[in-house]
Amino acid sequence: MTVVIAIHCIVVEIDTKVLRQGEFKLKGKKPEEVAFTFWKQIKRESSLELQLQKVLCEGEEITGLVRKLEEL
């Protein structure tokens, strides 16, 4: 199954909102796990500090679930 994940974040140093989205295959994983992996990739690619604002999967907000994974 393929889903569209959209991650809204803020670049802290310049107070700018950024949207990154992509289409991903779940491959037996939960949407929040795939979104968390995408969020880690976004942070790795950025040289600036990013702050997570909102995560959507197929239009459904899953921000809380991704934040829980980030706390682990």
N, C-alpha and C. Protein backbone atom coordinates (compact mmCIF):
# COMPACT_ATOMS: atom_id res chain seq x y z
N MET A 1 0.84 -1.18 0.00
CA MET A 1 0.00 0.00 0.00
C MET A 1 0.89 1.25 0.00
N THR A 2 0.54 2.22 -0.81
CA THR A 2 1.28 3.47 -0.91
C THR A 2 0.49 4.60 -0.26
N VAL A 3 1.21 5.46 0.49
CA VAL A 3 0.57 6.60 1.15
C VAL A 3 1.37 7.87 0.87
N VAL A 4 0.68 9.00 0.97
CA VAL A 4 1.33 10.30 0.85
C VAL A 4 1.52 10.85 2.25
N ILE A 5 2.77 11.20 2.58
CA ILE A 5 3.08 11.77 3.89
C ILE A 5 3.57 13.19 3.68
N ALA A 6 3.00 14.11 4.45
CA ALA A 6 3.40 15.52 4.40
C ALA A 6 3.90 15.93 5.78
N ILE A 7 5.10 16.51 5.81
CA ILE A 7 5.70 16.96 7.06
C ILE A 7 5.86 18.48 7.01
N HIS A 8 5.20 19.15 7.94
CA HIS A 8 5.31 20.60 8.09
C HIS A 8 6.27 20.87 9.23
N CYS A 9 7.28 21.70 8.96
CA CYS A 9 8.24 22.03 10.02
C CYS A 9 8.67 23.49 9.88
N ILE A 10 9.41 23.95 10.88
CA ILE A 10 9.91 25.32 10.89
C ILE A 10 11.43 25.26 10.97
N VAL A 11 12.10 26.08 10.15
CA VAL A 11 13.54 26.26 10.25
C VAL A 11 13.74 27.31 11.33
N VAL A 12 14.23 26.88 12.48
CA VAL A 12 14.28 27.71 13.69
C VAL A 12 15.07 29.00 13.48
N GLU A 13 16.28 28.91 12.92
CA GLU A 13 17.17 30.07 12.80
C GLU A 13 16.58 31.20 11.97
N ILE A 14 15.78 30.86 10.97
CA ILE A 14 15.23 31.91 10.10
C ILE A 14 13.70 32.00 10.17
N ASP A 15 13.12 31.26 11.11
CA ASP A 15 11.68 31.29 11.36
C ASP A 15 10.87 31.17 10.06
N THR A 16 11.18 30.12 9.31
CA THR A 16 10.53 29.88 8.03
C THR A 16 9.83 28.53 8.04
N LYS A 17 8.61 28.49 7.53
CA LYS A 17 7.87 27.23 7.45
C LYS A 17 8.28 26.48 6.19
N VAL A 18 8.38 25.15 6.34
CA VAL A 18 8.77 24.29 5.24
C VAL A 18 7.81 23.11 5.18
N LEU A 19 7.47 22.70 3.96
CA LEU A 19 6.65 21.51 3.75
C LEU A 19 7.43 20.55 2.89
N ARG A 20 7.59 19.32 3.38
CA ARG A 20 8.18 18.25 2.58
C ARG A 20 7.17 17.13 2.52
N GLN A 21 6.96 16.60 1.34
CA GLN A 21 6.04 15.49 1.22
C GLN A 21 6.54 14.50 0.19
N GLY A 22 6.04 13.29 0.32
CA GLY A 22 6.43 12.24 -0.60
C GLY A 22 5.47 11.08 -0.55
N GLU A 23 5.61 10.22 -1.52
CA GLU A 23 4.77 9.02 -1.61
C GLU A 23 5.63 7.83 -1.19
N PHE A 24 5.12 7.04 -0.25
CA PHE A 24 5.89 5.95 0.33
C PHE A 24 5.08 4.66 0.35
N LYS A 25 5.78 3.54 0.19
CA LYS A 25 5.18 2.23 0.37
C LYS A 25 5.33 1.85 1.83
N LEU A 26 4.27 1.34 2.42
CA LEU A 26 4.31 1.00 3.84
C LEU A 26 5.15 -0.25 4.11
N LYS A 27 5.16 -1.20 3.21
CA LYS A 27 5.95 -2.43 3.34
C LYS A 27 5.77 -3.08 4.71
N GLY A 28 4.52 -3.16 5.17
CA GLY A 28 4.22 -3.81 6.44
C GLY A 28 4.42 -2.94 7.66
N LYS A 29 4.84 -1.69 7.48
CA LYS A 29 5.05 -0.78 8.61
C LYS A 29 3.82 0.09 8.80
N LYS A 30 3.72 0.69 9.98
CA LYS A 30 2.65 1.63 10.27
C LYS A 30 3.00 2.98 9.65
N PRO A 31 1.99 3.76 9.26
CA PRO A 31 2.26 5.07 8.66
C PRO A 31 3.14 5.97 9.52
N GLU A 32 2.96 5.93 10.84
CA GLU A 32 3.77 6.79 11.70
C GLU A 32 5.25 6.36 11.70
N GLU A 33 5.51 5.07 11.52
CA GLU A 33 6.90 4.61 11.44
C GLU A 33 7.57 5.11 10.17
N VAL A 34 6.84 5.06 9.07
CA VAL A 34 7.36 5.55 7.79
C VAL A 34 7.56 7.06 7.86
N ALA A 35 6.60 7.77 8.46
CA ALA A 35 6.70 9.22 8.60
C ALA A 35 7.88 9.60 9.49
N PHE A 36 8.12 8.84 10.55
CA PHE A 36 9.24 9.12 11.44
C PHE A 36 10.57 8.94 10.71
N THR A 37 10.68 7.89 9.91
CA THR A 37 11.89 7.67 9.11
C THR A 37 12.10 8.82 8.14
N PHE A 38 11.03 9.30 7.51
CA PHE A 38 11.08 10.44 6.60
C PHE A 38 11.53 11.69 7.35
N TRP A 39 11.01 11.91 8.55
CA TRP A 39 11.37 13.07 9.37
C TRP A 39 12.87 13.02 9.73
N LYS A 40 13.36 11.84 10.10
CA LYS A 40 14.79 11.71 10.41
C LYS A 40 15.64 12.04 9.19
N GLN A 41 15.20 11.62 8.02
CA GLN A 41 15.92 11.89 6.78
C GLN A 41 15.96 13.40 6.50
N ILE A 42 14.84 14.07 6.70
CA ILE A 42 14.76 15.51 6.49
C ILE A 42 15.73 16.23 7.42
N LYS A 43 15.75 15.83 8.69
CA LYS A 43 16.64 16.46 9.66
C LYS A 43 18.11 16.22 9.30
N ARG A 44 18.43 15.02 8.83
CA ARG A 44 19.79 14.67 8.45
C ARG A 44 20.27 15.52 7.26
N GLU A 45 19.36 15.80 6.32
CA GLU A 45 19.70 16.56 5.12
C GLU A 45 19.84 18.06 5.38
N SER A 46 19.35 18.53 6.51
CA SER A 46 19.37 19.97 6.80
C SER A 46 20.55 20.32 7.69
N SER A 47 21.18 21.44 7.36
CA SER A 47 22.28 21.92 8.22
C SER A 47 21.74 22.85 9.30
N LEU A 48 20.45 23.17 9.24
CA LEU A 48 19.82 24.06 10.20
C LEU A 48 18.91 23.26 11.13
N GLU A 49 18.59 23.84 12.29
CA GLU A 49 17.70 23.19 13.25
C GLU A 49 16.26 23.25 12.76
N LEU A 50 15.59 22.12 12.78
CA LEU A 50 14.19 22.03 12.35
C LEU A 50 13.31 21.68 13.53
N GLN A 51 12.11 22.23 13.53
CA GLN A 51 11.13 21.94 14.58
C GLN A 51 9.88 21.37 13.91
N LEU A 52 9.49 20.18 14.32
CA LEU A 52 8.32 19.51 13.76
C LEU A 52 7.05 20.25 14.15
N GLN A 53 6.20 20.54 13.16
CA GLN A 53 4.93 21.22 13.42
C GLN A 53 3.74 20.27 13.26
N LYS A 54 3.68 19.62 12.09
CA LYS A 54 2.52 18.77 11.81
C LYS A 54 2.91 17.69 10.82
N VAL A 55 2.34 16.49 11.02
CA VAL A 55 2.56 15.37 10.10
C VAL A 55 1.20 14.86 9.65
N LEU A 56 1.04 14.77 8.34
CA LEU A 56 -0.20 14.26 7.77
C LEU A 56 0.09 13.02 6.93
N CYS A 57 -0.78 12.03 7.06
CA CYS A 57 -0.71 10.84 6.23
C CYS A 57 -2.07 10.68 5.57
N GLU A 58 -2.09 10.85 4.26
CA GLU A 58 -3.35 10.79 3.51
C GLU A 58 -4.38 11.77 4.09
N GLY A 59 -3.92 12.93 4.53
CA GLY A 59 -4.79 13.97 5.07
C GLY A 59 -5.13 13.82 6.54
N GLU A 60 -4.77 12.70 7.15
CA GLU A 60 -5.05 12.47 8.57
C GLU A 60 -3.83 12.86 9.40
N GLU A 61 -4.06 13.66 10.43
CA GLU A 61 -2.95 14.12 11.26
C GLU A 61 -2.44 13.00 12.17
N ILE A 62 -1.12 12.75 12.11
CA ILE A 62 -0.49 11.71 12.93
C ILE A 62 0.71 12.29 13.70
N THR A 63 0.71 13.59 13.91
CA THR A 63 1.82 14.27 14.57
C THR A 63 2.14 13.66 15.93
N GLY A 64 1.13 13.43 16.74
CA GLY A 64 1.34 12.88 18.08
C GLY A 64 2.02 11.53 18.05
N LEU A 65 1.65 10.69 17.11
CA LEU A 65 2.25 9.36 17.00
C LEU A 65 3.71 9.44 16.60
N VAL A 66 4.03 10.38 15.69
CA VAL A 66 5.43 10.56 15.27
C VAL A 66 6.26 11.12 16.43
N ARG A 67 5.70 12.06 17.19
CA ARG A 67 6.42 12.63 18.33
C ARG A 67 6.71 11.57 19.39
N LYS A 68 5.78 10.64 19.58
CA LYS A 68 6.01 9.56 20.54
C LYS A 68 7.20 8.70 20.11
N LEU A 69 7.32 8.42 18.81
CA LEU A 69 8.44 7.65 18.31
C LEU A 69 9.74 8.43 18.47
N GLU A 70 9.69 9.73 18.32
CA GLU A 70 10.87 10.57 18.46
C GLU A 70 11.39 10.58 19.91
N GLU A 71 10.49 10.40 20.86
CA GLU A 71 10.86 10.39 22.27
C GLU A 71 11.57 9.11 22.70
N LEU A 72 11.39 8.05 21.93
CA LEU A 72 12.00 6.75 22.29
C LEU A 72 13.50 6.76 22.12
